[in-house]
Amino acid sequence: MPDSTDETTGTSYATTRTEGTWYLHVRGIDGSGTGGATSHYCFTVDTSAPGAPAVTSVSYPSDA
């Protein structure tokens, strides 16, 4: 859970992460230091390209 310490006053955040599942927790703080609700985001970094697709058909075999 985020605390009530300002870490940025911007409206965007950028970082570099390695492969895996990561979590981002965001909490807005007003000018009086009162924190709002926390939003939680999960994202996955995958730098491996997927394999080539394969299409097969019993009704329309490739050798027909």
N, C-alpha and C. Protein backbone atom coordinates (compact mmCIF):
# COMPACT_ATOMS: atom_id res chain seq x y z
N MET A 1 0.84 -1.18 0.00
CA MET A 1 0.00 0.00 0.00
C MET A 1 0.88 1.24 0.00
N PRO A 2 0.58 2.20 -0.84
CA PRO A 2 1.34 3.44 -0.83
C PRO A 2 1.12 4.22 0.47
N ASP A 3 2.16 4.93 0.89
CA ASP A 3 2.02 5.78 2.06
C ASP A 3 1.55 7.17 1.64
N SER A 4 1.63 8.15 2.52
CA SER A 4 1.18 9.51 2.21
C SER A 4 2.33 10.44 1.84
N THR A 5 3.47 9.89 1.45
CA THR A 5 4.62 10.69 1.06
C THR A 5 4.58 10.96 -0.44
N ASP A 6 4.64 12.25 -0.82
CA ASP A 6 4.69 12.61 -2.24
C ASP A 6 5.99 12.08 -2.85
N GLU A 7 5.88 11.33 -3.93
CA GLU A 7 7.06 10.85 -4.62
C GLU A 7 7.20 11.49 -5.99
N THR A 8 6.11 12.03 -6.49
CA THR A 8 6.13 12.78 -7.74
C THR A 8 4.90 13.67 -7.78
N THR A 9 5.01 14.77 -8.47
CA THR A 9 3.85 15.64 -8.64
C THR A 9 3.39 15.60 -10.08
N GLY A 10 3.95 14.72 -10.86
CA GLY A 10 3.60 14.62 -12.28
C GLY A 10 2.32 13.83 -12.49
N THR A 11 1.91 13.80 -13.74
CA THR A 11 0.71 13.04 -14.11
C THR A 11 1.07 11.79 -14.90
N SER A 12 2.38 11.48 -14.98
CA SER A 12 2.80 10.26 -15.67
C SER A 12 3.99 9.66 -14.92
N TYR A 13 4.26 8.40 -15.21
CA TYR A 13 5.35 7.68 -14.55
C TYR A 13 5.95 6.74 -15.58
N ALA A 14 7.26 6.69 -15.65
CA ALA A 14 7.93 5.81 -16.60
C ALA A 14 9.03 5.04 -15.87
N THR A 15 9.19 3.79 -16.22
CA THR A 15 10.23 2.96 -15.64
C THR A 15 10.55 1.82 -16.60
N THR A 16 11.63 1.14 -16.37
CA THR A 16 12.00 -0.03 -17.16
C THR A 16 11.99 -1.24 -16.24
N ARG A 17 11.35 -2.29 -16.65
CA ARG A 17 11.24 -3.51 -15.85
C ARG A 17 11.70 -4.71 -16.66
N THR A 18 12.20 -5.71 -15.96
CA THR A 18 12.57 -6.97 -16.60
C THR A 18 11.32 -7.81 -16.80
N GLU A 19 11.49 -8.93 -17.49
CA GLU A 19 10.34 -9.81 -17.72
C GLU A 19 9.75 -10.27 -16.40
N GLY A 20 8.45 -10.43 -16.41
CA GLY A 20 7.76 -10.92 -15.22
C GLY A 20 6.46 -10.16 -14.99
N THR A 21 5.83 -10.46 -13.88
CA THR A 21 4.60 -9.81 -13.49
C THR A 21 4.93 -8.73 -12.47
N TRP A 22 4.40 -7.55 -12.69
CA TRP A 22 4.68 -6.40 -11.84
C TRP A 22 3.39 -5.75 -11.39
N TYR A 23 3.46 -5.00 -10.32
CA TYR A 23 2.29 -4.32 -9.75
C TYR A 23 2.61 -2.85 -9.56
N LEU A 24 1.66 -2.00 -9.87
CA LEU A 24 1.77 -0.57 -9.67
C LEU A 24 0.60 -0.15 -8.80
N HIS A 25 0.90 0.56 -7.71
CA HIS A 25 -0.11 1.04 -6.78
C HIS A 25 -0.05 2.56 -6.80
N VAL A 26 -1.18 3.20 -7.03
CA VAL A 26 -1.24 4.64 -7.18
C VAL A 26 -2.23 5.22 -6.16
N ARG A 27 -1.79 6.29 -5.51
CA ARG A 27 -2.65 6.96 -4.53
C ARG A 27 -2.46 8.46 -4.67
N GLY A 28 -3.53 9.16 -4.99
CA GLY A 28 -3.48 10.61 -5.09
C GLY A 28 -3.50 11.25 -3.72
N ILE A 29 -2.76 12.37 -3.58
CA ILE A 29 -2.71 13.11 -2.32
C ILE A 29 -3.03 14.57 -2.62
N ASP A 30 -3.98 15.14 -1.89
CA ASP A 30 -4.35 16.52 -2.15
C ASP A 30 -3.37 17.49 -1.48
N GLY A 31 -3.60 18.78 -1.67
CA GLY A 31 -2.72 19.81 -1.14
C GLY A 31 -2.61 19.82 0.37
N SER A 32 -3.57 19.23 1.06
CA SER A 32 -3.55 19.17 2.53
C SER A 32 -2.85 17.91 3.04
N GLY A 33 -2.42 17.05 2.10
CA GLY A 33 -1.76 15.81 2.50
C GLY A 33 -2.70 14.66 2.74
N THR A 34 -3.96 14.83 2.39
CA THR A 34 -4.94 13.76 2.56
C THR A 34 -4.91 12.83 1.36
N GLY A 35 -4.70 11.54 1.62
CA GLY A 35 -4.63 10.56 0.54
C GLY A 35 -6.00 10.07 0.14
N GLY A 36 -6.16 9.82 -1.13
CA GLY A 36 -7.40 9.26 -1.64
C GLY A 36 -7.32 7.75 -1.69
N ALA A 37 -8.25 7.16 -2.41
CA ALA A 37 -8.27 5.70 -2.56
C ALA A 37 -7.07 5.26 -3.38
N THR A 38 -6.60 4.06 -3.12
CA THR A 38 -5.48 3.49 -3.85
C THR A 38 -6.00 2.65 -5.01
N SER A 39 -5.38 2.82 -6.18
CA SER A 39 -5.70 2.00 -7.35
C SER A 39 -4.54 1.03 -7.56
N HIS A 40 -4.86 -0.19 -7.90
CA HIS A 40 -3.85 -1.23 -8.08
C HIS A 40 -3.88 -1.71 -9.53
N TYR A 41 -2.71 -1.83 -10.13
CA TYR A 41 -2.61 -2.28 -11.52
C TYR A 41 -1.58 -3.39 -11.60
N CYS A 42 -1.92 -4.44 -12.31
CA CYS A 42 -1.02 -5.56 -12.54
C CYS A 42 -0.68 -5.57 -14.03
N PHE A 43 0.60 -5.74 -14.36
CA PHE A 43 0.98 -5.84 -15.77
C PHE A 43 2.11 -6.85 -15.92
N THR A 44 2.20 -7.42 -17.11
CA THR A 44 3.20 -8.42 -17.41
C THR A 44 4.11 -7.91 -18.51
N VAL A 45 5.42 -8.03 -18.29
CA VAL A 45 6.41 -7.68 -19.30
C VAL A 45 6.87 -8.99 -19.94
N ASP A 46 6.73 -9.09 -21.25
CA ASP A 46 7.14 -10.28 -22.00
C ASP A 46 7.86 -9.80 -23.24
N THR A 47 9.17 -9.99 -23.30
CA THR A 47 9.95 -9.51 -24.43
C THR A 47 10.20 -10.58 -25.47
N SER A 48 9.67 -11.78 -25.27
CA SER A 48 9.84 -12.87 -26.24
C SER A 48 8.74 -12.83 -27.28
N ALA A 49 9.14 -12.87 -28.54
CA ALA A 49 8.15 -12.88 -29.62
C ALA A 49 7.44 -14.22 -29.66
N PRO A 50 6.15 -14.23 -29.97
CA PRO A 50 5.43 -15.51 -30.07
C PRO A 50 5.89 -16.28 -31.31
N GLY A 51 5.68 -17.56 -31.30
CA GLY A 51 6.03 -18.39 -32.45
C GLY A 51 5.11 -18.11 -33.63
N ALA A 52 5.54 -18.57 -34.81
CA ALA A 52 4.74 -18.39 -36.02
C ALA A 52 3.45 -19.20 -35.89
N PRO A 53 2.33 -18.67 -36.36
CA PRO A 53 1.08 -19.41 -36.26
C PRO A 53 1.07 -20.61 -37.22
N ALA A 54 0.34 -21.62 -36.85
CA ALA A 54 0.17 -22.80 -37.71
C ALA A 54 -1.33 -23.00 -37.91
N VAL A 55 -1.73 -23.21 -39.14
CA VAL A 55 -3.13 -23.43 -39.46
C VAL A 55 -3.27 -24.83 -40.02
N THR A 56 -4.16 -25.60 -39.43
CA THR A 56 -4.42 -26.97 -39.90
C THR A 56 -5.92 -27.15 -40.07
N SER A 57 -6.28 -28.10 -40.93
CA SER A 57 -7.69 -28.37 -41.15
C SER A 57 -7.86 -29.82 -41.57
N VAL A 58 -8.79 -30.51 -40.92
CA VAL A 58 -9.13 -31.89 -41.30
C VAL A 58 -9.93 -31.86 -42.60
N SER A 59 -10.81 -30.86 -42.76
CA SER A 59 -11.66 -30.78 -43.94
C SER A 59 -10.89 -30.34 -45.19
N TYR A 60 -9.85 -29.56 -45.00
CA TYR A 60 -9.06 -29.04 -46.13
C TYR A 60 -7.58 -29.25 -45.84
N PRO A 61 -7.09 -30.48 -45.96
CA PRO A 61 -5.68 -30.76 -45.68
C PRO A 61 -4.76 -30.04 -46.67
N SER A 62 -3.57 -29.74 -46.23
CA SER A 62 -2.64 -28.98 -47.08
C SER A 62 -2.17 -29.74 -48.30
N ASP A 63 -2.28 -31.06 -48.32
CA ASP A 63 -1.81 -31.85 -49.48
C ASP A 63 -2.93 -32.14 -50.49
N ALA A 64 -4.11 -31.52 -50.31
CA ALA A 64 -5.22 -31.77 -51.22
C ALA A 64 -5.19 -30.84 -52.40
